[in-house]
Amino acid sequence: MVILLAISGIALAVGLFFLMADVLKIPYLKTSKAVMSVGKTDKKISKTIDAVLVDAAVRIGKLIPMDKYKRIRMEKTLASADIKMTPETFRAYSLLKAFGVGLLIIPCALIFPMIIPLIIILAVAVYFKEIGKADEQMRKKRAAIESELPRFVATVEQELKTSRDILSIMENYKKHAGEVFSYELDVTTADMRSSSYEAALTRFESRIGSSQLSDVVRGLVSVIRGDDSAVYFKMLAHDFKLLELQRLKNEAQKIPPKIRIFSLAMLMTFLLTYLVVMGMQLIDALGTMM
């Protein structure tokens, strides 16, 4: 009898859920996953849990107030990081993930209440990690582009000796650029064909937000305006080369600490080997004496 009542209750709850979903026009889970798979380059978002979270974040995001300046700034960051969400939805999504971690407090309160503060700290850490994910992706994209700028500037310097067609120079370099820089050049060249060159380059600069790229765009705009920028790009190539050498030097300085850790591990392994051998010899000696 109890089993029949439980089955009836579950069936009633499922039926009410589908009725409410139809009345409120909640999209099917497959529909949400398909839309998010198209809207985002990261295929992990198509997972079921993320699909449910994003669907709920869209509704909760409408209730979250946001300062106009912060909204514009976050909107640009999300667009640059290729995250197809509104700022309100993105913040709500981060809150929901943190809230999901915070729900672990309920079983912990019944089993082991001492770790509840750790769960709270973990939930806060998850929120800040998720809310900073767009900035982190933007930093990685900026770093990837800035690492290619010295070679791009050197190429522009050489190409300006025979041609002043900036669009052609960018399209030719795009074939040999890295994945991130090639994508941005593809977007920029398409924008240059459909609008003015200066406006497209300015939008390229604002998308990335790099001071080094701003110097490059300034030089490209001066070439478009008919100025003789050969000397400018020559000096810029020299400065970028120095910055690249400094960057490589900084990366090289990070290697010794990593090597030191592995060296310490190898030393401990050797010592442990010797101690094991000495211990076995000592045990054999004591066994012989006895």
C-alpha atoms as a PDB file:
ATOM      1  CA  MET A   1       0.000   0.000   0.000  1.00  0.00           C
ATOM      2  CA  VAL A   2       2.797   2.393   0.918  1.00  0.00           C
ATOM      3  CA  ILE A   3       4.589   1.624  -2.360  1.00  0.00           C
ATOM      4  CA  LEU A   4       1.408   2.349  -4.354  1.00  0.00           C
ATOM      5  CA  LEU A   5       0.967   5.672  -2.538  1.00  0.00           C
ATOM      6  CA  ALA A   6       4.607   6.612  -3.244  1.00  0.00           C
ATOM      7  CA  ILE A   7       4.234   5.726  -6.940  1.00  0.00           C
ATOM      8  CA  SER A   8       0.986   7.715  -7.131  1.00  0.00           C
ATOM      9  CA  GLY A   9       2.628  10.730  -5.474  1.00  0.00           C
ATOM     10  CA  ILE A  10       5.589  10.639  -7.849  1.00  0.00           C
ATOM     11  CA  ALA A  11       3.280  10.316 -10.871  1.00  0.00           C
ATOM     12  CA  LEU A  12       1.155  13.233  -9.615  1.00  0.00           C
ATOM     13  CA  ALA A  13       4.262  15.403  -9.085  1.00  0.00           C
ATOM     14  CA  VAL A  14       5.609  14.597 -12.552  1.00  0.00           C
ATOM     15  CA  GLY A  15       2.241  15.339 -14.122  1.00  0.00           C
ATOM     16  CA  LEU A  16       1.946  18.687 -12.326  1.00  0.00           C
ATOM     17  CA  PHE A  17       5.480  19.557 -13.389  1.00  0.00           C
ATOM     18  CA  PHE A  18       4.716  18.943 -17.075  1.00  0.00           C
ATOM     19  CA  LEU A  19       1.473  20.913 -16.819  1.00  0.00           C
ATOM     20  CA  MET A  20       3.256  23.890 -15.233  1.00  0.00           C
ATOM     21  CA  ALA A  21       6.069  23.642 -17.770  1.00  0.00           C
ATOM     22  CA  ASP A  22       3.527  23.802 -20.599  1.00  0.00           C
ATOM     23  CA  VAL A  23       1.681  26.747 -19.019  1.00  0.00           C
ATOM     24  CA  LEU A  24       4.902  28.696 -18.362  1.00  0.00           C
ATOM     25  CA  LYS A  25       6.298  27.712 -21.798  1.00  0.00           C
ATOM     26  CA  ILE A  26       9.512  26.254 -20.329  1.00  0.00           C
ATOM     27  CA  PRO A  27      11.581  24.822 -23.213  1.00  0.00           C
ATOM     28  CA  TYR A  28      12.499  21.162 -23.300  1.00  0.00           C
ATOM     29  CA  LEU A  29      15.924  20.151 -21.991  1.00  0.00           C
ATOM     30  CA  LYS A  30      16.989  18.990 -25.462  1.00  0.00           C
ATOM     31  CA  THR A  31      16.049  22.386 -26.877  1.00  0.00           C
ATOM     32  CA  SER A  32      18.088  24.229 -24.243  1.00  0.00           C
ATOM     33  CA  LYS A  33      21.099  21.986 -24.806  1.00  0.00           C
ATOM     34  CA  ALA A  34      20.889  22.439 -28.595  1.00  0.00           C
ATOM     35  CA  VAL A  35      20.655  26.222 -28.332  1.00  0.00           C
ATOM     36  CA  MET A  36      23.594  26.411 -25.933  1.00  0.00           C
ATOM     37  CA  SER A  37      25.675  24.058 -28.071  1.00  0.00           C
ATOM     38  CA  VAL A  38      25.193  26.409 -31.022  1.00  0.00           C
ATOM     39  CA  GLY A  39      25.708  29.559 -28.983  1.00  0.00           C
ATOM     40  CA  LYS A  40      28.931  28.513 -27.332  1.00  0.00           C
ATOM     41  CA  THR A  41      32.183  27.174 -28.703  1.00  0.00           C
ATOM     42  CA  ASP A  42      32.759  25.171 -25.501  1.00  0.00           C
ATOM     43  CA  LYS A  43      30.895  21.883 -26.005  1.00  0.00           C
ATOM     44  CA  LYS A  44      31.001  21.095 -22.262  1.00  0.00           C
ATOM     45  CA  ILE A  45      28.133  23.554 -21.774  1.00  0.00           C
ATOM     46  CA  SER A  46      25.839  21.026 -23.493  1.00  0.00           C
ATOM     47  CA  LYS A  47      25.964  18.811 -20.419  1.00  0.00           C
ATOM     48  CA  THR A  48      22.625  18.289 -18.743  1.00  0.00           C
ATOM     49  CA  ILE A  49      23.457  19.989 -15.447  1.00  0.00           C
ATOM     50  CA  ASP A  50      24.818  23.099 -17.146  1.00  0.00           C
ATOM     51  CA  ALA A  51      21.797  23.192 -19.440  1.00  0.00           C
ATOM     52  CA  VAL A  52      19.466  23.239 -16.434  1.00  0.00           C
ATOM     53  CA  LEU A  53      21.576  25.864 -14.651  1.00  0.00           C
ATOM     54  CA  VAL A  54      21.715  28.171 -17.673  1.00  0.00           C
ATOM     55  CA  ASP A  55      17.980  27.812 -18.264  1.00  0.00           C
ATOM     56  CA  ALA A  56      17.325  28.811 -14.648  1.00  0.00           C
ATOM     57  CA  ALA A  57      19.938  31.593 -14.827  1.00  0.00           C
ATOM     58  CA  VAL A  58      18.099  33.216 -17.742  1.00  0.00           C
ATOM     59  CA  ARG A  59      15.020  33.625 -15.539  1.00  0.00           C
ATOM     60  CA  ILE A  60      16.824  34.606 -12.353  1.00  0.00           C
ATOM     61  CA  GLY A  61      19.057  37.058 -14.237  1.00  0.00           C
ATOM     62  CA  LYS A  62      16.049  39.232 -15.015  1.00  0.00           C
ATOM     63  CA  LEU A  63      15.613  39.842 -11.277  1.00  0.00           C
ATOM     64  CA  ILE A  64      19.244  40.825 -10.595  1.00  0.00           C
ATOM     65  CA  PRO A  65      19.910  44.583 -10.691  1.00  0.00           C
ATOM     66  CA  MET A  66      23.236  45.677 -12.161  1.00  0.00           C
ATOM     67  CA  ASP A  67      25.005  49.004 -12.400  1.00  0.00           C
ATOM     68  CA  LYS A  68      25.028  50.431 -15.944  1.00  0.00           C
ATOM     69  CA  TYR A  69      28.812  50.875 -16.067  1.00  0.00           C
ATOM     70  CA  LYS A  70      29.477  47.352 -14.723  1.00  0.00           C
ATOM     71  CA  ARG A  71      26.959  45.905 -17.150  1.00  0.00           C
ATOM     72  CA  ILE A  72      28.600  47.546 -20.173  1.00  0.00           C
ATOM     73  CA  ARG A  73      32.043  46.449 -19.012  1.00  0.00           C
ATOM     74  CA  MET A  74      30.943  42.845 -18.400  1.00  0.00           C
ATOM     75  CA  GLU A  75      29.053  42.777 -21.702  1.00  0.00           C
ATOM     76  CA  LYS A  76      32.235  43.687 -23.590  1.00  0.00           C
ATOM     77  CA  THR A  77      34.255  41.124 -21.633  1.00  0.00           C
ATOM     78  CA  LEU A  78      31.742  38.363 -22.334  1.00  0.00           C
ATOM     79  CA  ALA A  79      31.664  39.252 -26.024  1.00  0.00           C
ATOM     80  CA  SER A  80      35.465  39.211 -26.216  1.00  0.00           C
ATOM     81  CA  ALA A  81      35.599  35.867 -24.380  1.00  0.00           C
ATOM     82  CA  ASP A  82      32.997  34.367 -26.786  1.00  0.00           C
ATOM     83  CA  ILE A  83      30.528  33.682 -23.969  1.00  0.00           C
ATOM     84  CA  LYS A  84      27.014  34.094 -25.373  1.00  0.00           C
ATOM     85  CA  MET A  85      25.287  35.258 -22.207  1.00  0.00           C
ATOM     86  CA  THR A  86      23.968  38.553 -20.941  1.00  0.00           C
ATOM     87  CA  PRO A  87      25.777  39.991 -17.893  1.00  0.00           C
ATOM     88  CA  GLU A  88      22.741  39.303 -15.694  1.00  0.00           C
ATOM     89  CA  THR A  89      22.511  35.686 -16.858  1.00  0.00           C
ATOM     90  CA  PHE A  90      26.235  35.170 -16.378  1.00  0.00           C
ATOM     91  CA  ARG A  91      26.100  36.473 -12.813  1.00  0.00           C
ATOM     92  CA  ALA A  92      23.010  34.389 -12.040  1.00  0.00           C
ATOM     93  CA  TYR A  93      24.745  31.328 -13.494  1.00  0.00           C
ATOM     94  CA  SER A  94      27.719  31.884 -11.171  1.00  0.00           C
ATOM     95  CA  LEU A  95      25.400  32.311  -8.187  1.00  0.00           C
ATOM     96  CA  LEU A  96      23.518  29.119  -9.036  1.00  0.00           C
ATOM     97  CA  LYS A  97      26.742  27.118  -9.223  1.00  0.00           C
ATOM     98  CA  ALA A  98      27.825  28.472  -5.850  1.00  0.00           C
ATOM     99  CA  PHE A  99      24.350  27.759  -4.439  1.00  0.00           C
ATOM    100  CA  GLY A 100      24.567  24.186  -5.747  1.00  0.00           C
ATOM    101  CA  VAL A 101      27.808  23.706  -3.827  1.00  0.00           C
ATOM    102  CA  GLY A 102      26.242  25.340  -0.779  1.00  0.00           C
ATOM    103  CA  LEU A 103      23.462  22.751  -0.780  1.00  0.00           C
ATOM    104  CA  LEU A 104      26.044  20.262   0.452  1.00  0.00           C
ATOM    105  CA  ILE A 105      25.553  21.908   3.847  1.00  0.00           C
ATOM    106  CA  ILE A 106      22.310  19.957   4.299  1.00  0.00           C
ATOM    107  CA  PRO A 107      23.811  16.434   4.268  1.00  0.00           C
ATOM    108  CA  CYS A 108      26.897  17.699   6.105  1.00  0.00           C
ATOM    109  CA  ALA A 109      24.717  19.071   8.897  1.00  0.00           C
ATOM    110  CA  LEU A 110      23.293  15.589   9.399  1.00  0.00           C
ATOM    111  CA  ILE A 111      26.538  13.645   9.037  1.00  0.00           C
ATOM    112  CA  PHE A 112      29.507  15.844   9.947  1.00  0.00           C
ATOM    113  CA  PRO A 113      28.613  19.445  10.950  1.00  0.00           C
ATOM    114  CA  MET A 114      32.260  20.369  11.546  1.00  0.00           C
ATOM    115  CA  ILE A 115      32.952  20.801   7.795  1.00  0.00           C
ATOM    116  CA  ILE A 116      30.072  23.247   7.200  1.00  0.00           C
ATOM    117  CA  PRO A 117      32.467  26.276   7.282  1.00  0.00           C
ATOM    118  CA  LEU A 118      34.604  24.560   4.633  1.00  0.00           C
ATOM    119  CA  ILE A 119      31.531  24.100   2.425  1.00  0.00           C
ATOM    120  CA  ILE A 120      30.694  27.805   2.784  1.00  0.00           C
ATOM    121  CA  ILE A 121      34.258  28.792   1.850  1.00  0.00           C
ATOM    122  CA  LEU A 122      34.129  26.396  -1.110  1.00  0.00           C
ATOM    123  CA  ALA A 123      30.839  27.901  -2.317  1.00  0.00           C
ATOM    124  CA  VAL A 124      32.278  31.429  -2.143  1.00  0.00           C
ATOM    125  CA  ALA A 125      35.400  30.256  -3.997  1.00  0.00           C
ATOM    126  CA  VAL A 126      33.260  28.655  -6.717  1.00  0.00           C
ATOM    127  CA  TYR A 127      31.331  31.913  -7.176  1.00  0.00           C
ATOM    128  CA  PHE A 128      34.445  34.037  -7.593  1.00  0.00           C
ATOM    129  CA  LYS A 129      35.982  31.424  -9.899  1.00  0.00           C
ATOM    130  CA  GLU A 130      32.911  31.370 -12.135  1.00  0.00           C
ATOM    131  CA  ILE A 131      32.398  35.141 -12.138  1.00  0.00           C
ATOM    132  CA  GLY A 132      36.066  35.608 -13.081  1.00  0.00           C
ATOM    133  CA  LYS A 133      36.032  32.986 -15.830  1.00  0.00           C
ATOM    134  CA  ALA A 134      35.336  35.574 -18.553  1.00  0.00           C
ATOM    135  CA  ASP A 135      38.222  37.769 -17.406  1.00  0.00           C
ATOM    136  CA  GLU A 136      40.505  34.722 -17.271  1.00  0.00           C
ATOM    137  CA  GLN A 137      39.596  33.695 -20.821  1.00  0.00           C
ATOM    138  CA  MET A 138      40.107  37.280 -21.945  1.00  0.00           C
ATOM    139  CA  ARG A 139      43.561  37.385 -20.337  1.00  0.00           C
ATOM    140  CA  LYS A 140      44.536  34.152 -22.093  1.00  0.00           C
ATOM    141  CA  LYS A 141      43.313  35.488 -25.440  1.00  0.00           C
ATOM    142  CA  ARG A 142      45.162  38.786 -24.916  1.00  0.00           C
ATOM    143  CA  ALA A 143      48.362  36.959 -23.993  1.00  0.00           C
ATOM    144  CA  ALA A 144      48.080  34.695 -27.055  1.00  0.00           C
ATOM    145  CA  ILE A 145      47.636  37.699 -29.355  1.00  0.00           C
ATOM    146  CA  GLU A 146      50.394  39.758 -27.753  1.00  0.00           C
ATOM    147  CA  SER A 147      52.817  36.852 -28.159  1.00  0.00           C
ATOM    148  CA  GLU A 148      52.263  37.046 -31.947  1.00  0.00           C
ATOM    149  CA  LEU A 149      52.381  40.823 -32.309  1.00  0.00           C
ATOM    150  CA  PRO A 150      56.213  41.040 -32.664  1.00  0.00           C
ATOM    151  CA  ARG A 151      56.130  38.741 -35.688  1.00  0.00           C
ATOM    152  CA  PHE A 152      53.072  40.519 -37.102  1.00  0.00           C
ATOM    153  CA  VAL A 153      54.692  43.941 -36.745  1.00  0.00           C
ATOM    154  CA  ALA A 154      57.906  42.681 -38.378  1.00  0.00           C
ATOM    155  CA  THR A 155      55.809  41.345 -41.268  1.00  0.00           C
ATOM    156  CA  VAL A 156      53.968  44.662 -41.666  1.00  0.00           C
ATOM    157  CA  GLU A 157      57.300  46.500 -41.656  1.00  0.00           C
ATOM    158  CA  GLN A 158      58.573  44.367 -44.543  1.00  0.00           C
ATOM    159  CA  GLU A 159      55.290  44.437 -46.496  1.00  0.00           C
ATOM    160  CA  LEU A 160      55.059  48.243 -46.361  1.00  0.00           C
ATOM    161  CA  LYS A 161      58.163  48.438 -48.550  1.00  0.00           C
ATOM    162  CA  THR A 162      56.179  47.050 -51.500  1.00  0.00           C
ATOM    163  CA  SER A 163      52.497  47.530 -50.625  1.00  0.00           C
ATOM    164  CA  ARG A 164      50.237  49.756 -48.536  1.00  0.00           C
ATOM    165  CA  ASP A 165      47.153  47.526 -48.756  1.00  0.00           C
ATOM    166  CA  ILE A 166      46.506  46.820 -45.074  1.00  0.00           C
ATOM    167  CA  LEU A 167      43.626  44.429 -45.795  1.00  0.00           C
ATOM    168  CA  SER A 168      45.819  42.295 -48.076  1.00  0.00           C
ATOM    169  CA  ILE A 169      48.665  42.278 -45.530  1.00  0.00           C
ATOM    170  CA  MET A 170      46.348  41.112 -42.748  1.00  0.00           C
ATOM    171  CA  GLU A 171      44.753  38.415 -44.908  1.00  0.00           C
ATOM    172  CA  ASN A 172      48.143  37.068 -45.954  1.00  0.00           C
ATOM    173  CA  TYR A 173      49.404  36.975 -42.373  1.00  0.00           C
ATOM    174  CA  LYS A 174      46.191  35.288 -41.204  1.00  0.00           C
ATOM    175  CA  LYS A 175      47.223  32.100 -43.043  1.00  0.00           C
ATOM    176  CA  HIS A 176      50.290  31.719 -40.829  1.00  0.00           C
ATOM    177  CA  ALA A 177      48.904  33.088 -37.542  1.00  0.00           C
ATOM    178  CA  GLY A 178      47.952  31.116 -34.461  1.00  0.00           C
ATOM    179  CA  GLU A 179      44.404  29.983 -33.805  1.00  0.00           C
ATOM    180  CA  VAL A 180      43.354  32.902 -31.570  1.00  0.00           C
ATOM    181  CA  PHE A 181      45.022  35.650 -33.602  1.00  0.00           C
ATOM    182  CA  SER A 182      43.834  34.105 -36.872  1.00  0.00           C
ATOM    183  CA  TYR A 183      40.229  34.148 -35.646  1.00  0.00           C
ATOM    184  CA  GLU A 184      40.439  37.802 -34.608  1.00  0.00           C
ATOM    185  CA  LEU A 185      42.076  38.761 -37.906  1.00  0.00           C
ATOM    186  CA  ASP A 186      39.314  36.894 -39.736  1.00  0.00           C
ATOM    187  CA  VAL A 187      36.658  38.855 -37.860  1.00  0.00           C
ATOM    188  CA  THR A 188      38.504  42.148 -38.418  1.00  0.00           C
ATOM    189  CA  THR A 189      39.084  41.644 -42.143  1.00  0.00           C
ATOM    190  CA  ALA A 190      35.423  40.718 -42.625  1.00  0.00           C
ATOM    191  CA  ASP A 191      34.496  43.867 -40.706  1.00  0.00           C
ATOM    192  CA  MET A 192      36.857  45.925 -42.875  1.00  0.00           C
ATOM    193  CA  ARG A 193      35.129  44.711 -46.040  1.00  0.00           C
ATOM    194  CA  SER A 194      31.682  45.650 -44.751  1.00  0.00           C
ATOM    195  CA  SER A 195      32.596  49.005 -43.158  1.00  0.00           C
ATOM    196  CA  SER A 196      35.420  51.532 -43.030  1.00  0.00           C
ATOM    197  CA  TYR A 197      38.929  50.267 -42.339  1.00  0.00           C
ATOM    198  CA  GLU A 198      39.508  52.649 -39.427  1.00  0.00           C
ATOM    199  CA  ALA A 199      36.255  51.731 -37.687  1.00  0.00           C
ATOM    200  CA  ALA A 200      36.966  47.998 -38.056  1.00  0.00           C
ATOM    201  CA  LEU A 201      40.484  48.372 -36.637  1.00  0.00           C
ATOM    202  CA  THR A 202      39.153  50.469 -33.759  1.00  0.00           C
ATOM    203  CA  ARG A 203      36.617  47.750 -32.922  1.00  0.00           C
ATOM    204  CA  PHE A 204      39.420  45.177 -33.082  1.00  0.00           C
ATOM    205  CA  GLU A 205      41.396  47.236 -30.567  1.00  0.00           C
ATOM    206  CA  SER A 206      38.433  47.638 -28.206  1.00  0.00           C
ATOM    207  CA  ARG A 207      37.625  43.901 -28.301  1.00  0.00           C
ATOM    208  CA  ILE A 208      41.080  42.879 -27.082  1.00  0.00           C
ATOM    209  CA  GLY A 209      41.953  45.798 -24.810  1.00  0.00           C
ATOM    210  CA  SER A 210      45.720  45.479 -25.216  1.00  0.00           C
ATOM    211  CA  SER A 211      48.092  48.451 -25.051  1.00  0.00           C
ATOM    212  CA  GLN A 212      50.485  46.725 -27.465  1.00  0.00           C
ATOM    213  CA  LEU A 213      47.688  46.119 -29.958  1.00  0.00           C
ATOM    214  CA  SER A 214      46.667  49.778 -29.590  1.00  0.00           C
ATOM    215  CA  ASP A 215      50.152  50.810 -30.791  1.00  0.00           C
ATOM    216  CA  VAL A 216      49.843  48.481 -33.778  1.00  0.00           C
ATOM    217  CA  VAL A 217      46.353  49.735 -34.674  1.00  0.00           C
ATOM    218  CA  ARG A 218      47.566  53.332 -34.407  1.00  0.00           C
ATOM    219  CA  GLY A 219      50.246  52.587 -36.975  1.00  0.00           C
ATOM    220  CA  LEU A 220      47.835  50.751 -39.289  1.00  0.00           C
ATOM    221  CA  VAL A 221      45.370  53.652 -39.152  1.00  0.00           C
ATOM    222  CA  SER A 222      48.149  56.095 -40.060  1.00  0.00           C
ATOM    223  CA  VAL A 223      49.009  53.937 -43.090  1.00  0.00           C
ATOM    224  CA  ILE A 224      45.358  53.982 -44.165  1.00  0.00           C
ATOM    225  CA  ARG A 225      45.368  57.774 -43.902  1.00  0.00           C
ATOM    226  CA  GLY A 226      48.345  57.934 -46.256  1.00  0.00           C
ATOM    227  CA  ASP A 227      51.123  58.674 -43.764  1.00  0.00           C
ATOM    228  CA  ASP A 228      54.611  57.245 -44.187  1.00  0.00           C
ATOM    229  CA  SER A 229      54.718  54.854 -41.233  1.00  0.00           C
ATOM    230  CA  ALA A 230      57.776  52.809 -42.214  1.00  0.00           C
ATOM    231  CA  VAL A 231      59.913  54.372 -39.474  1.00  0.00           C
ATOM    232  CA  TYR A 232      57.119  53.964 -36.936  1.00  0.00           C
ATOM    233  CA  PHE A 233      56.788  50.226 -37.592  1.00  0.00           C
ATOM    234  CA  LYS A 234      60.560  49.828 -37.602  1.00  0.00           C
ATOM    235  CA  MET A 235      60.773  51.353 -34.124  1.00  0.00           C
ATOM    236  CA  LEU A 236      57.712  49.377 -33.012  1.00  0.00           C
ATOM    237  CA  ALA A 237      59.272  46.125 -34.224  1.00  0.00           C
ATOM    238  CA  HIS A 238      62.417  46.930 -32.221  1.00  0.00           C
ATOM    239  CA  ASP A 239      60.414  47.680 -29.058  1.00  0.00           C
ATOM    240  CA  PHE A 240      58.276  44.559 -29.439  1.00  0.00           C
ATOM    241  CA  LYS A 241      61.385  42.449 -29.929  1.00  0.00           C
ATOM    242  CA  LEU A 242      62.738  43.721 -26.607  1.00  0.00           C
ATOM    243  CA  LEU A 243      59.392  42.991 -24.923  1.00  0.00           C
ATOM    244  CA  GLU A 244      59.403  39.483 -26.390  1.00  0.00           C
ATOM    245  CA  LEU A 245      62.916  38.850 -25.079  1.00  0.00           C
ATOM    246  CA  GLN A 246      61.854  40.094 -21.641  1.00  0.00           C
ATOM    247  CA  ARG A 247      58.800  37.818 -21.699  1.00  0.00           C
ATOM    248  CA  LEU A 248      60.916  34.806 -22.635  1.00  0.00           C
ATOM    249  CA  LYS A 249      63.397  35.697 -19.905  1.00  0.00           C
ATOM    250  CA  ASN A 250      60.592  35.842 -17.327  1.00  0.00           C
ATOM    251  CA  GLU A 251      59.290  32.453 -18.446  1.00  0.00           C
ATOM    252  CA  ALA A 252      62.817  31.024 -18.237  1.00  0.00           C
ATOM    253  CA  GLN A 253      63.156  32.285 -14.674  1.00  0.00           C
ATOM    254  CA  LYS A 254      60.054  30.290 -13.678  1.00  0.00           C
ATOM    255  CA  ILE A 255      61.647  27.016 -14.798  1.00  0.00           C
ATOM    256  CA  PRO A 256      64.373  26.585 -12.090  1.00  0.00           C
ATOM    257  CA  PRO A 257      61.894  26.405  -9.163  1.00  0.00           C
ATOM    258  CA  LYS A 258      59.992  23.678 -11.009  1.00  0.00           C
ATOM    259  CA  ILE A 259      63.236  21.796 -11.673  1.00  0.00           C
ATOM    260  CA  ARG A 260      64.200  22.237  -8.019  1.00  0.00           C
ATOM    261  CA  ILE A 261      61.016  20.474  -6.912  1.00  0.00           C
ATOM    262  CA  PHE A 262      61.731  17.460  -9.113  1.00  0.00           C
ATOM    263  CA  SER A 263      65.368  17.447  -8.008  1.00  0.00           C
ATOM    264  CA  LEU A 264      64.235  17.324  -4.385  1.00  0.00           C
ATOM    265  CA  ALA A 265      61.880  14.459  -5.212  1.00  0.00           C
ATOM    266  CA  MET A 266      64.718  12.541  -6.896  1.00  0.00           C
ATOM    267  CA  LEU A 267      66.991  13.177  -3.897  1.00  0.00           C
ATOM    268  CA  MET A 268      64.360  11.868  -1.495  1.00  0.00           C
ATOM    269  CA  THR A 269      63.903   8.794  -3.703  1.00  0.00           C
ATOM    270  CA  PHE A 270      67.655   8.066  -3.642  1.00  0.00           C
ATOM    271  CA  LEU A 271      67.811   8.534   0.127  1.00  0.00           C
ATOM    272  CA  LEU A 272      64.810   6.277   0.603  1.00  0.00           C
ATOM    273  CA  THR A 273      66.478   3.610  -1.554  1.00  0.00           C
ATOM    274  CA  TYR A 274      69.651   3.746   0.525  1.00  0.00           C
ATOM    275  CA  LEU A 275      67.673   3.633   3.771  1.00  0.00           C
ATOM    276  CA  VAL A 276      65.709   0.585   2.611  1.00  0.00           C
ATOM    277  CA  VAL A 277      68.916  -1.216   1.602  1.00  0.00           C
ATOM    278  CA  MET A 278      70.617  -0.328   4.904  1.00  0.00           C
ATOM    279  CA  GLY A 279      67.534  -1.410   6.850  1.00  0.00           C
ATOM    280  CA  MET A 280      67.414  -4.779   5.096  1.00  0.00           C
ATOM    281  CA  GLN A 281      71.136  -5.340   5.733  1.00  0.00           C
ATOM    282  CA  LEU A 282      70.673  -4.413   9.385  1.00  0.00           C
ATOM    283  CA  ILE A 283      67.754  -6.839   9.731  1.00  0.00           C
ATOM    284  CA  ASP A 284      69.807  -9.621   8.108  1.00  0.00           C
ATOM    285  CA  ALA A 285      72.736  -8.891  10.431  1.00  0.00           C
ATOM    286  CA  LEU A 286      70.505  -9.010  13.503  1.00  0.00           C
ATOM    287  CA  GLY A 287      68.948 -12.251  12.305  1.00  0.00           C
ATOM    288  CA  THR A 288      72.404 -13.831  11.893  1.00  0.00           C
ATOM    289  CA  MET A 289      73.480 -12.748  15.375  1.00  0.00           C
ATOM    290  CA  MET A 290      70.362 -14.259  16.907  1.00  0.00           C
END
